[in-house]
Amino acid sequence: MKTYSRHDFTREERAARAKVAISAAFESKEQAFLDFVLSHYVRVGVQELDQEKLTPLLRLKYNNSIADAVAHLGKPEDIGRVFIGFQNICISKKRVRPEHR
């Protein structure tokens, strides 16, 4: 029989927790994109948080136009830093706390 820790969270719960951290850490345009990514994470799964998904997600959000993404979010290296910061927030929110000893 499989038992579940009381510390397990659904993707929806993890996303809601991440949104709080995102609102404190990123500007509004970045938040809009990261909220978009979180919605894909909730629907599809953790693979949407992979670095290799950044370009496809940008294309999807900005109507297949990386130029529009850059216009909204800044230089590609800045977008990459935002996504890495976002990944770090999501990873820290996914960790399951150890059981009481």
PDB file of N, CA and C in Angstrom:
ATOM      1  N   MET A   1       0.842  -1.176   0.000  1.00  0.00           N
ATOM      2  CA  MET A   1       0.000   0.000   0.000  1.00  0.00           C
ATOM      3  C   MET A   1       0.889   1.241   0.000  1.00  0.00           C
ATOM      4  N   LYS A   2       0.619   2.138  -0.878  1.00  0.00           N
ATOM      5  CA  LYS A   2       1.399   3.361  -0.981  1.00  0.00           C
ATOM      6  C   LYS A   2       0.842   4.401  -0.016  1.00  0.00           C
ATOM      7  N   THR A   3       1.725   5.013   0.731  1.00  0.00           N
ATOM      8  CA  THR A   3       1.300   6.082   1.635  1.00  0.00           C
ATOM      9  C   THR A   3       1.879   7.392   1.134  1.00  0.00           C
ATOM     10  N   TYR A   4       1.194   8.453   1.421  1.00  0.00           N
ATOM     11  CA  TYR A   4       1.616   9.766   0.966  1.00  0.00           C
ATOM     12  C   TYR A   4       1.973  10.629   2.165  1.00  0.00           C
ATOM     13  N   SER A   5       3.074  11.317   2.046  1.00  0.00           N
ATOM     14  CA  SER A   5       3.495  12.241   3.094  1.00  0.00           C
ATOM     15  C   SER A   5       2.508  13.393   3.163  1.00  0.00           C
ATOM     16  N   ARG A   6       2.283  13.891   4.325  1.00  0.00           N
ATOM     17  CA  ARG A   6       1.401  15.044   4.450  1.00  0.00           C
ATOM     18  C   ARG A   6       2.015  16.289   3.827  1.00  0.00           C
ATOM     19  N   HIS A   7       3.281  16.179   3.372  1.00  0.00           N
ATOM     20  CA  HIS A   7       3.980  17.310   2.784  1.00  0.00           C
ATOM     21  C   HIS A   7       3.957  17.277   1.253  1.00  0.00           C
ATOM     22  N   ASP A   8       3.323  16.272   0.676  1.00  0.00           N
ATOM     23  CA  ASP A   8       3.207  16.223  -0.778  1.00  0.00           C
ATOM     24  C   ASP A   8       2.213  17.286  -1.228  1.00  0.00           C
ATOM     25  N   PHE A   9       2.535  17.945  -2.320  1.00  0.00           N
ATOM     26  CA  PHE A   9       1.670  18.996  -2.848  1.00  0.00           C
ATOM     27  C   PHE A   9       1.324  18.673  -4.293  1.00  0.00           C
ATOM     28  N   THR A  10       0.137  19.060  -4.705  1.00  0.00           N
ATOM     29  CA  THR A  10      -0.236  18.919  -6.116  1.00  0.00           C
ATOM     30  C   THR A  10       0.509  19.973  -6.922  1.00  0.00           C
ATOM     31  N   ARG A  11       0.520  19.796  -8.242  1.00  0.00           N
ATOM     32  CA  ARG A  11       1.146  20.815  -9.098  1.00  0.00           C
ATOM     33  C   ARG A  11       0.447  22.149  -8.923  1.00  0.00           C
ATOM     34  N   GLU A  12      -0.869  22.132  -8.763  1.00  0.00           N
ATOM     35  CA  GLU A  12      -1.613  23.380  -8.573  1.00  0.00           C
ATOM     36  C   GLU A  12      -1.158  24.097  -7.307  1.00  0.00           C
ATOM     37  N   GLU A  13      -0.974  23.329  -6.238  1.00  0.00           N
ATOM     38  CA  GLU A  13      -0.514  23.928  -4.978  1.00  0.00           C
ATOM     39  C   GLU A  13       0.909  24.459  -5.103  1.00  0.00           C
ATOM     40  N   ARG A  14       1.767  23.707  -5.766  1.00  0.00           N
ATOM     41  CA  ARG A  14       3.149  24.165  -5.972  1.00  0.00           C
ATOM     42  C   ARG A  14       3.176  25.443  -6.806  1.00  0.00           C
ATOM     43  N   ALA A  15       2.352  25.480  -7.850  1.00  0.00           N
ATOM     44  CA  ALA A  15       2.298  26.659  -8.708  1.00  0.00           C
ATOM     45  C   ALA A  15       1.816  27.879  -7.929  1.00  0.00           C
ATOM     46  N   ALA A  16       0.806  27.691  -7.099  1.00  0.00           N
ATOM     47  CA  ALA A  16       0.292  28.809  -6.296  1.00  0.00           C
ATOM     48  C   ALA A  16       1.367  29.335  -5.357  1.00  0.00           C
ATOM     49  N   ARG A  17       2.141  28.430  -4.759  1.00  0.00           N
ATOM     50  CA  ARG A  17       3.217  28.851  -3.867  1.00  0.00           C
ATOM     51  C   ARG A  17       4.314  29.572  -4.643  1.00  0.00           C
ATOM     52  N   ALA A  18       4.625  29.062  -5.832  1.00  0.00           N
ATOM     53  CA  ALA A  18       5.657  29.691  -6.661  1.00  0.00           C
ATOM     54  C   ALA A  18       5.230  31.090  -7.105  1.00  0.00           C
ATOM     55  N   LYS A  19       3.942  31.277  -7.391  1.00  0.00           N
ATOM     56  CA  LYS A  19       3.449  32.593  -7.824  1.00  0.00           C
ATOM     57  C   LYS A  19       3.718  33.666  -6.782  1.00  0.00           C
ATOM     58  N   VAL A  20       3.610  33.306  -5.520  1.00  0.00           N
ATOM     59  CA  VAL A  20       3.884  34.270  -4.452  1.00  0.00           C
ATOM     60  C   VAL A  20       5.342  34.714  -4.515  1.00  0.00           C
ATOM     61  N   ALA A  21       6.241  33.766  -4.660  1.00  0.00           N
ATOM     62  CA  ALA A  21       7.665  34.090  -4.744  1.00  0.00           C
ATOM     63  C   ALA A  21       7.990  34.858  -6.022  1.00  0.00           C
ATOM     64  N   ILE A  22       7.342  34.491  -7.110  1.00  0.00           N
ATOM     65  CA  ILE A  22       7.576  35.162  -8.394  1.00  0.00           C
ATOM     66  C   ILE A  22       7.152  36.619  -8.320  1.00  0.00           C
ATOM     67  N   SER A  23       6.034  36.884  -7.658  1.00  0.00           N
ATOM     68  CA  SER A  23       5.545  38.263  -7.582  1.00  0.00           C
ATOM     69  C   SER A  23       6.513  39.154  -6.809  1.00  0.00           C
ATOM     70  N   ALA A  24       7.282  38.570  -5.908  1.00  0.00           N
ATOM     71  CA  ALA A  24       8.256  39.345  -5.143  1.00  0.00           C
ATOM     72  C   ALA A  24       9.594  39.472  -5.857  1.00  0.00           C
ATOM     73  N   ALA A  25       9.891  38.544  -6.764  1.00  0.00           N
ATOM     74  CA  ALA A  25      11.236  38.479  -7.342  1.00  0.00           C
ATOM     75  C   ALA A  25      11.354  39.033  -8.763  1.00  0.00           C
ATOM     76  N   PHE A  26      10.234  39.175  -9.471  1.00  0.00           N
ATOM     77  CA  PHE A  26      10.306  39.541 -10.887  1.00  0.00           C
ATOM     78  C   PHE A  26       9.400  40.718 -11.210  1.00  0.00           C
ATOM     79  N   GLU A  27       9.749  41.419 -12.292  1.00  0.00           N
ATOM     80  CA  GLU A  27       8.936  42.543 -12.773  1.00  0.00           C
ATOM     81  C   GLU A  27       7.659  42.020 -13.429  1.00  0.00           C
ATOM     82  N   SER A  28       6.698  42.911 -13.637  1.00  0.00           N
ATOM     83  CA  SER A  28       5.373  42.484 -14.116  1.00  0.00           C
ATOM     84  C   SER A  28       5.412  41.768 -15.470  1.00  0.00           C
ATOM     85  N   LYS A  29       6.219  42.214 -16.413  1.00  0.00           N
ATOM     86  CA  LYS A  29       6.282  41.535 -17.713  1.00  0.00           C
ATOM     87  C   LYS A  29       6.883  40.141 -17.563  1.00  0.00           C
ATOM     88  N   GLU A  30       7.883  40.040 -16.699  1.00  0.00           N
ATOM     89  CA  GLU A  30       8.477  38.731 -16.439  1.00  0.00           C
ATOM     90  C   GLU A  30       7.466  37.836 -15.733  1.00  0.00           C
ATOM     91  N   GLN A  31       6.737  38.392 -14.788  1.00  0.00           N
ATOM     92  CA  GLN A  31       5.710  37.635 -14.071  1.00  0.00           C
ATOM     93  C   GLN A  31       4.664  37.085 -15.036  1.00  0.00           C
ATOM     94  N   ALA A  32       4.266  37.877 -16.005  1.00  0.00           N
ATOM     95  CA  ALA A  32       3.254  37.426 -16.967  1.00  0.00           C
ATOM     96  C   ALA A  32       3.752  36.204 -17.737  1.00  0.00           C
ATOM     97  N   PHE A  33       5.004  36.240 -18.165  1.00  0.00           N
ATOM     98  CA  PHE A  33       5.558  35.083 -18.875  1.00  0.00           C
ATOM     99  C   PHE A  33       5.689  33.882 -17.935  1.00  0.00           C
ATOM    100  N   LEU A  34       6.181  34.109 -16.733  1.00  0.00           N
ATOM    101  CA  LEU A  34       6.381  33.007 -15.790  1.00  0.00           C
ATOM    102  C   LEU A  34       5.052  32.402 -15.334  1.00  0.00           C
ATOM    103  N   ASP A  35       4.019  33.218 -15.211  1.00  0.00           N
ATOM    104  CA  ASP A  35       2.681  32.690 -14.920  1.00  0.00           C
ATOM    105  C   ASP A  35       2.201  31.782 -16.058  1.00  0.00           C
ATOM    106  N   PHE A  36       2.508  32.186 -17.287  1.00  0.00           N
ATOM    107  CA  PHE A  36       2.196  31.382 -18.466  1.00  0.00           C
ATOM    108  C   PHE A  36       2.906  30.032 -18.376  1.00  0.00           C
ATOM    109  N   VAL A  37       4.186  30.054 -18.006  1.00  0.00           N
ATOM    110  CA  VAL A  37       4.956  28.817 -17.871  1.00  0.00           C
ATOM    111  C   VAL A  37       4.354  27.950 -16.760  1.00  0.00           C
ATOM    112  N   LEU A  38       4.001  28.571 -15.640  1.00  0.00           N
ATOM    113  CA  LEU A  38       3.394  27.813 -14.542  1.00  0.00           C
ATOM    114  C   LEU A  38       2.094  27.139 -14.976  1.00  0.00           C
ATOM    115  N   SER A  39       1.310  27.819 -15.794  1.00  0.00           N
ATOM    116  CA  SER A  39       0.063  27.200 -16.250  1.00  0.00           C
ATOM    117  C   SER A  39       0.357  25.953 -17.087  1.00  0.00           C
ATOM    118  N   HIS A  40       1.425  25.988 -17.862  1.00  0.00           N
ATOM    119  CA  HIS A  40       1.824  24.798 -18.637  1.00  0.00           C
ATOM    120  C   HIS A  40       2.341  23.710 -17.703  1.00  0.00           C
ATOM    121  N   TYR A  41       3.082  24.106 -16.691  1.00  0.00           N
ATOM    122  CA  TYR A  41       3.559  23.138 -15.701  1.00  0.00           C
ATOM    123  C   TYR A  41       2.383  22.413 -15.050  1.00  0.00           C
ATOM    124  N   VAL A  42       1.357  23.152 -14.680  1.00  0.00           N
ATOM    125  CA  VAL A  42       0.195  22.541 -14.030  1.00  0.00           C
ATOM    126  C   VAL A  42      -0.490  21.554 -14.981  1.00  0.00           C
ATOM    127  N   ARG A  43      -0.640  21.933 -16.248  1.00  0.00           N
ATOM    128  CA  ARG A  43      -1.339  21.078 -17.215  1.00  0.00           C
ATOM    129  C   ARG A  43      -0.507  19.893 -17.689  1.00  0.00           C
ATOM    130  N   VAL A  44       0.785  20.137 -17.946  1.00  0.00           N
ATOM    131  CA  VAL A  44       1.611  19.131 -18.616  1.00  0.00           C
ATOM    132  C   VAL A  44       2.528  18.380 -17.656  1.00  0.00           C
ATOM    133  N   GLY A  45       3.179  19.111 -16.764  1.00  0.00           N
ATOM    134  CA  GLY A  45       4.081  18.460 -15.824  1.00  0.00           C
ATOM    135  C   GLY A  45       5.423  19.169 -15.722  1.00  0.00           C
ATOM    136  N   VAL A  46       6.270  18.565 -14.928  1.00  0.00           N
ATOM    137  CA  VAL A  46       7.543  19.176 -14.565  1.00  0.00           C
ATOM    138  C   VAL A  46       8.463  19.397 -15.768  1.00  0.00           C
ATOM    139  N   GLN A  47       8.297  18.637 -16.832  1.00  0.00           N
ATOM    140  CA  GLN A  47       9.145  18.814 -18.010  1.00  0.00           C
ATOM    141  C   GLN A  47       9.018  20.218 -18.602  1.00  0.00           C
ATOM    142  N   GLU A  48       7.938  20.917 -18.313  1.00  0.00           N
ATOM    143  CA  GLU A  48       7.768  22.281 -18.815  1.00  0.00           C
ATOM    144  C   GLU A  48       8.736  23.260 -18.152  1.00  0.00           C
ATOM    145  N   LEU A  49       9.394  22.829 -17.092  1.00  0.00           N
ATOM    146  CA  LEU A  49      10.354  23.687 -16.399  1.00  0.00           C
ATOM    147  C   LEU A  49      11.774  23.479 -16.890  1.00  0.00           C
ATOM    148  N   ASP A  50      11.983  22.547 -17.829  1.00  0.00           N
ATOM    149  CA  ASP A  50      13.316  22.282 -18.359  1.00  0.00           C
ATOM    150  C   ASP A  50      13.818  23.462 -19.185  1.00  0.00           C
ATOM    151  N   GLN A  51      15.120  23.684 -19.118  1.00  0.00           N
ATOM    152  CA  GLN A  51      15.747  24.768 -19.871  1.00  0.00           C
ATOM    153  C   GLN A  51      15.461  24.643 -21.364  1.00  0.00           C
ATOM    154  N   GLU A  52      15.431  23.424 -21.869  1.00  0.00           N
ATOM    155  CA  GLU A  52      15.178  23.213 -23.303  1.00  0.00           C
ATOM    156  C   GLU A  52      13.778  23.646 -23.727  1.00  0.00           C
ATOM    157  N   LYS A  53      12.883  23.850 -22.780  1.00  0.00           N
ATOM    158  CA  LYS A  53      11.523  24.292 -23.088  1.00  0.00           C
ATOM    159  C   LYS A  53      11.409  25.817 -23.208  1.00  0.00           C
ATOM    160  N   LEU A  54      12.458  26.538 -22.837  1.00  0.00           N
ATOM    161  CA  LEU A  54      12.374  27.995 -22.834  1.00  0.00           C
ATOM    162  C   LEU A  54      11.992  28.554 -24.200  1.00  0.00           C
ATOM    163  N   THR A  55      12.720  28.195 -25.240  1.00  0.00           N
ATOM    164  CA  THR A  55      12.423  28.744 -26.572  1.00  0.00           C
ATOM    165  C   THR A  55      11.023  28.356 -27.049  1.00  0.00           C
ATOM    166  N   PRO A  56      10.620  27.088 -26.952  1.00  0.00           N
ATOM    167  CA  PRO A  56       9.242  26.758 -27.374  1.00  0.00           C
ATOM    168  C   PRO A  56       8.176  27.517 -26.571  1.00  0.00           C
ATOM    169  N   LEU A  57       8.402  27.720 -25.284  1.00  0.00           N
ATOM    170  CA  LEU A  57       7.435  28.468 -24.481  1.00  0.00           C
ATOM    171  C   LEU A  57       7.392  29.934 -24.884  1.00  0.00           C
ATOM    172  N   LEU A  58       8.554  30.506 -25.177  1.00  0.00           N
ATOM    173  CA  LEU A  58       8.588  31.897 -25.650  1.00  0.00           C
ATOM    174  C   LEU A  58       7.824  32.019 -26.967  1.00  0.00           C
ATOM    175  N   ARG A  59       8.058  31.088 -27.872  1.00  0.00           N
ATOM    176  CA  ARG A  59       7.350  31.114 -29.165  1.00  0.00           C
ATOM    177  C   ARG A  59       5.844  30.978 -28.970  1.00  0.00           C
ATOM    178  N   LEU A  60       5.452  30.111 -28.074  1.00  0.00           N
ATOM    179  CA  LEU A  60       4.026  29.897 -27.822  1.00  0.00           C
ATOM    180  C   LEU A  60       3.384  31.143 -27.218  1.00  0.00           C
ATOM    181  N   LYS A  61       4.036  31.740 -26.257  1.00  0.00           N
ATOM    182  CA  LYS A  61       3.489  32.923 -25.583  1.00  0.00           C
ATOM    183  C   LYS A  61       3.475  34.146 -26.503  1.00  0.00           C
ATOM    184  N   TYR A  62       4.504  34.295 -27.314  1.00  0.00           N
ATOM    185  CA  TYR A  62       4.657  35.511 -28.126  1.00  0.00           C
ATOM    186  C   TYR A  62       4.397  35.250 -29.608  1.00  0.00           C
ATOM    187  N   ASN A  63       3.418  34.417 -29.888  1.00  0.00           N
ATOM    188  CA  ASN A  63       2.936  34.184 -31.260  1.00  0.00           C
ATOM    189  C   ASN A  63       4.050  33.842 -32.242  1.00  0.00           C
ATOM    190  N   ASN A  64       4.906  32.912 -31.810  1.00  0.00           N
ATOM    191  CA  ASN A  64       5.995  32.409 -32.646  1.00  0.00           C
ATOM    192  C   ASN A  64       7.045  33.465 -32.969  1.00  0.00           C
ATOM    193  N   SER A  65       7.133  34.512 -32.163  1.00  0.00           N
ATOM    194  CA  SER A  65       8.066  35.603 -32.437  1.00  0.00           C
ATOM    195  C   SER A  65       9.031  35.810 -31.270  1.00  0.00           C
ATOM    196  N   ILE A  66      10.254  35.343 -31.461  1.00  0.00           N
ATOM    197  CA  ILE A  66      11.288  35.577 -30.445  1.00  0.00           C
ATOM    198  C   ILE A  66      11.572  37.074 -30.346  1.00  0.00           C
ATOM    199  N   ALA A  67      11.459  37.790 -31.451  1.00  0.00           N
ATOM    200  CA  ALA A  67      11.667  39.245 -31.426  1.00  0.00           C
ATOM    201  C   ALA A  67      10.664  39.924 -30.489  1.00  0.00           C
ATOM    202  N   ASP A  68       9.416  39.473 -30.502  1.00  0.00           N
ATOM    203  CA  ASP A  68       8.416  40.023 -29.575  1.00  0.00           C
ATOM    204  C   ASP A  68       8.758  39.673 -28.130  1.00  0.00           C
ATOM    205  N   ALA A  69       9.237  38.461 -27.920  1.00  0.00           N
ATOM    206  CA  ALA A  69       9.634  38.056 -26.567  1.00  0.00           C
ATOM    207  C   ALA A  69      10.764  38.953 -26.060  1.00  0.00           C
ATOM    208  N   VAL A  70      11.741  39.212 -26.911  1.00  0.00           N
ATOM    209  CA  VAL A  70      12.870  40.080 -26.538  1.00  0.00           C
ATOM    210  C   VAL A  70      12.372  41.504 -26.285  1.00  0.00           C
ATOM    211  N   ALA A  71      11.448  41.963 -27.089  1.00  0.00           N
ATOM    212  CA  ALA A  71      10.890  43.306 -26.897  1.00  0.00           C
ATOM    213  C   ALA A  71      10.185  43.425 -25.543  1.00  0.00           C
ATOM    214  N   HIS A  72       9.533  42.374 -25.105  1.00  0.00           N
ATOM    215  CA  HIS A  72       8.804  42.391 -23.831  1.00  0.00           C
ATOM    216  C   HIS A  72       9.701  42.099 -22.625  1.00  0.00           C
ATOM    217  N   LEU A  73      10.645  41.164 -22.799  1.00  0.00           N
ATOM    218  CA  LEU A  73      11.378  40.643 -21.649  1.00  0.00           C
ATOM    219  C   LEU A  73      12.840  41.065 -21.559  1.00  0.00           C
ATOM    220  N   GLY A  74      13.378  41.597 -22.640  1.00  0.00           N
ATOM    221  CA  GLY A  74      14.782  42.008 -22.609  1.00  0.00           C
ATOM    222  C   GLY A  74      15.676  41.093 -23.434  1.00  0.00           C
ATOM    223  N   LYS A  75      16.962  41.317 -23.318  1.00  0.00           N
ATOM    224  CA  LYS A  75      17.948  40.562 -24.095  1.00  0.00           C
ATOM    225  C   LYS A  75      17.853  39.065 -23.788  1.00  0.00           C
ATOM    226  N   PRO A  76      18.227  38.235 -24.766  1.00  0.00           N
ATOM    227  CA  PRO A  76      18.156  36.788 -24.554  1.00  0.00           C
ATOM    228  C   PRO A  76      18.864  36.311 -23.288  1.00  0.00           C
ATOM    229  N   GLU A  77      20.017  36.883 -22.991  1.00  0.00           N
ATOM    230  CA  GLU A  77      20.727  36.451 -21.777  1.00  0.00           C
ATOM    231  C   GLU A  77      19.951  36.843 -20.517  1.00  0.00           C
ATOM    232  N   ASP A  78      19.233  37.967 -20.574  1.00  0.00           N
ATOM    233  CA  ASP A  78      18.390  38.359 -19.438  1.00  0.00           C
ATOM    234  C   ASP A  78      17.207  37.400 -19.286  1.00  0.00           C
ATOM    235  N   ILE A  79      16.628  37.019 -20.410  1.00  0.00           N
ATOM    236  CA  ILE A  79      15.519  36.060 -20.380  1.00  0.00           C
ATOM    237  C   ILE A  79      16.004  34.745 -19.786  1.00  0.00           C
ATOM    238  N   GLY A  80      17.194  34.311 -20.188  1.00  0.00           N
ATOM    239  CA  GLY A  80      17.766  33.080 -19.644  1.00  0.00           C
ATOM    240  C   GLY A  80      17.968  33.168 -18.138  1.00  0.00           C
ATOM    241  N   ARG A  81      18.458  34.313 -17.652  1.00  0.00           N
ATOM    242  CA  ARG A  81      18.651  34.484 -16.204  1.00  0.00           C
ATOM    243  C   ARG A  81      17.312  34.464 -15.460  1.00  0.00           C
ATOM    244  N   VAL A  82      16.300  35.094 -16.046  1.00  0.00           N
ATOM    245  CA  VAL A  82      14.965  35.081 -15.431  1.00  0.00           C
ATOM    246  C   VAL A  82      14.456  33.640 -15.330  1.00  0.00           C
ATOM    247  N   PHE A  83      14.607  32.882 -16.402  1.00  0.00           N
ATOM    248  CA  PHE A  83      14.116  31.500 -16.409  1.00  0.00           C
ATOM    249  C   PHE A  83      14.868  30.645 -15.393  1.00  0.00           C
ATOM    250  N   ILE A  84      16.179  30.836 -15.273  1.00  0.00           N
ATOM    251  CA  ILE A  84      16.960  30.085 -14.285  1.00  0.00           C
ATOM    252  C   ILE A  84      16.529  30.465 -12.874  1.00  0.00           C
ATOM    253  N   GLY A  85      16.301  31.744 -12.617  1.00  0.00           N
ATOM    254  CA  GLY A  85      15.807  32.172 -11.315  1.00  0.00           C
ATOM    255  C   GLY A  85      14.453  31.557 -11.010  1.00  0.00           C
ATOM    256  N   PHE A  86      13.615  31.509 -12.016  1.00  0.00           N
ATOM    257  CA  PHE A  86      12.293  30.887 -11.897  1.00  0.00           C
ATOM    258  C   PHE A  86      12.423  29.399 -11.588  1.00  0.00           C
ATOM    259  N   GLN A  87      13.313  28.707 -12.300  1.00  0.00           N
ATOM    260  CA  GLN A  87      13.534  27.283 -12.040  1.00  0.00           C
ATOM    261  C   GLN A  87      13.968  27.064 -10.588  1.00  0.00           C
ATOM    262  N   ASN A  88      14.862  27.924 -10.111  1.00  0.00           N
ATOM    263  CA  ASN A  88      15.336  27.787  -8.731  1.00  0.00           C
ATOM    264  C   ASN A  88      14.189  27.946  -7.739  1.00  0.00           C
ATOM    265  N   ILE A  89      13.298  28.883  -7.994  1.00  0.00           N
ATOM    266  CA  ILE A  89      12.126  29.061  -7.132  1.00  0.00           C
ATOM    267  C   ILE A  89      11.265  27.801  -7.169  1.00  0.00           C
ATOM    268  N   CYS A  90      11.029  27.279  -8.356  1.00  0.00           N
ATOM    269  CA  CYS A  90      10.174  26.095  -8.485  1.00  0.00           C
ATOM    270  C   CYS A  90      10.802  24.876  -7.824  1.00  0.00           C
ATOM    271  N   ILE A  91      12.100  24.718  -7.975  1.00  0.00           N
ATOM    272  CA  ILE A  91      12.775  23.576  -7.368  1.00  0.00           C
ATOM    273  C   ILE A  91      12.692  23.669  -5.855  1.00  0.00           C
ATOM    274  N   SER A  92      12.911  24.861  -5.310  1.00  0.00           N
ATOM    275  CA  SER A  92      12.856  24.996  -3.849  1.00  0.00           C
ATOM    276  C   SER A  92      11.441  24.768  -3.335  1.00  0.00           C
ATOM    277  N   LYS A  93      10.424  25.082  -4.115  1.00  0.00           N
ATOM    278  CA  LYS A  93       9.038  24.862  -3.704  1.00  0.00           C
ATOM    279  C   LYS A  93       8.636  23.399  -3.831  1.00  0.00           C
ATOM    280  N   LYS A  94       9.353  22.601  -4.621  1.00  0.00           N
ATOM    281  CA  LYS A  94       8.992  21.207  -4.819  1.00  0.00           C
ATOM    282  C   LYS A  94       9.598  20.297  -3.761  1.00  0.00           C
ATOM    283  N   ARG A  95      10.619  20.727  -3.074  1.00  0.00           N
ATOM    284  CA  ARG A  95      11.277  19.871  -2.091  1.00  0.00           C
ATOM    285  C   ARG A  95      10.299  19.451  -1.005  1.00  0.00           C
ATOM    286  N   VAL A  96      10.373  18.210  -0.675  1.00  0.00           N
ATOM    287  CA  VAL A  96       9.528  17.661   0.385  1.00  0.00           C
ATOM    288  C   VAL A  96      10.335  17.715   1.670  1.00  0.00           C
ATOM    289  N   ARG A  97       9.728  18.263   2.700  1.00  0.00           N
ATOM    290  CA  ARG A  97      10.407  18.363   3.987  1.00  0.00           C
ATOM    291  C   ARG A  97      10.571  16.970   4.591  1.00  0.00           C
ATOM    292  N   PRO A  98      11.692  16.749   5.308  1.00  0.00           N
ATOM    293  CA  PRO A  98      11.889  15.436   5.940  1.00  0.00           C
ATOM    294  C   PRO A  98      10.857  15.182   7.026  1.00  0.00           C
ATOM    295  N   GLU A  99      10.577  13.938   7.239  1.00  0.00           N
ATOM    296  CA  GLU A  99       9.657  13.541   8.299  1.00  0.00           C
ATOM    297  C   GLU A  99      10.270  13.859   9.654  1.00  0.00           C
ATOM    298  N   HIS A 100       9.433  14.028  10.661  1.00  0.00           N
ATOM    299  CA  HIS A 100       9.923  14.266  12.013  1.00  0.00           C
ATOM    300  C   HIS A 100      10.694  13.045  12.477  1.00  0.00           C
ATOM    301  N   ARG A 101      11.770  13.288  13.176  1.00  0.00           N
ATOM    302  CA  ARG A 101      12.606  12.168  13.636  1.00  0.00           C
ATOM    303  C   ARG A 101      12.288  11.792  15.034  1.00  0.00           C
TER     304      ARG A 101
END
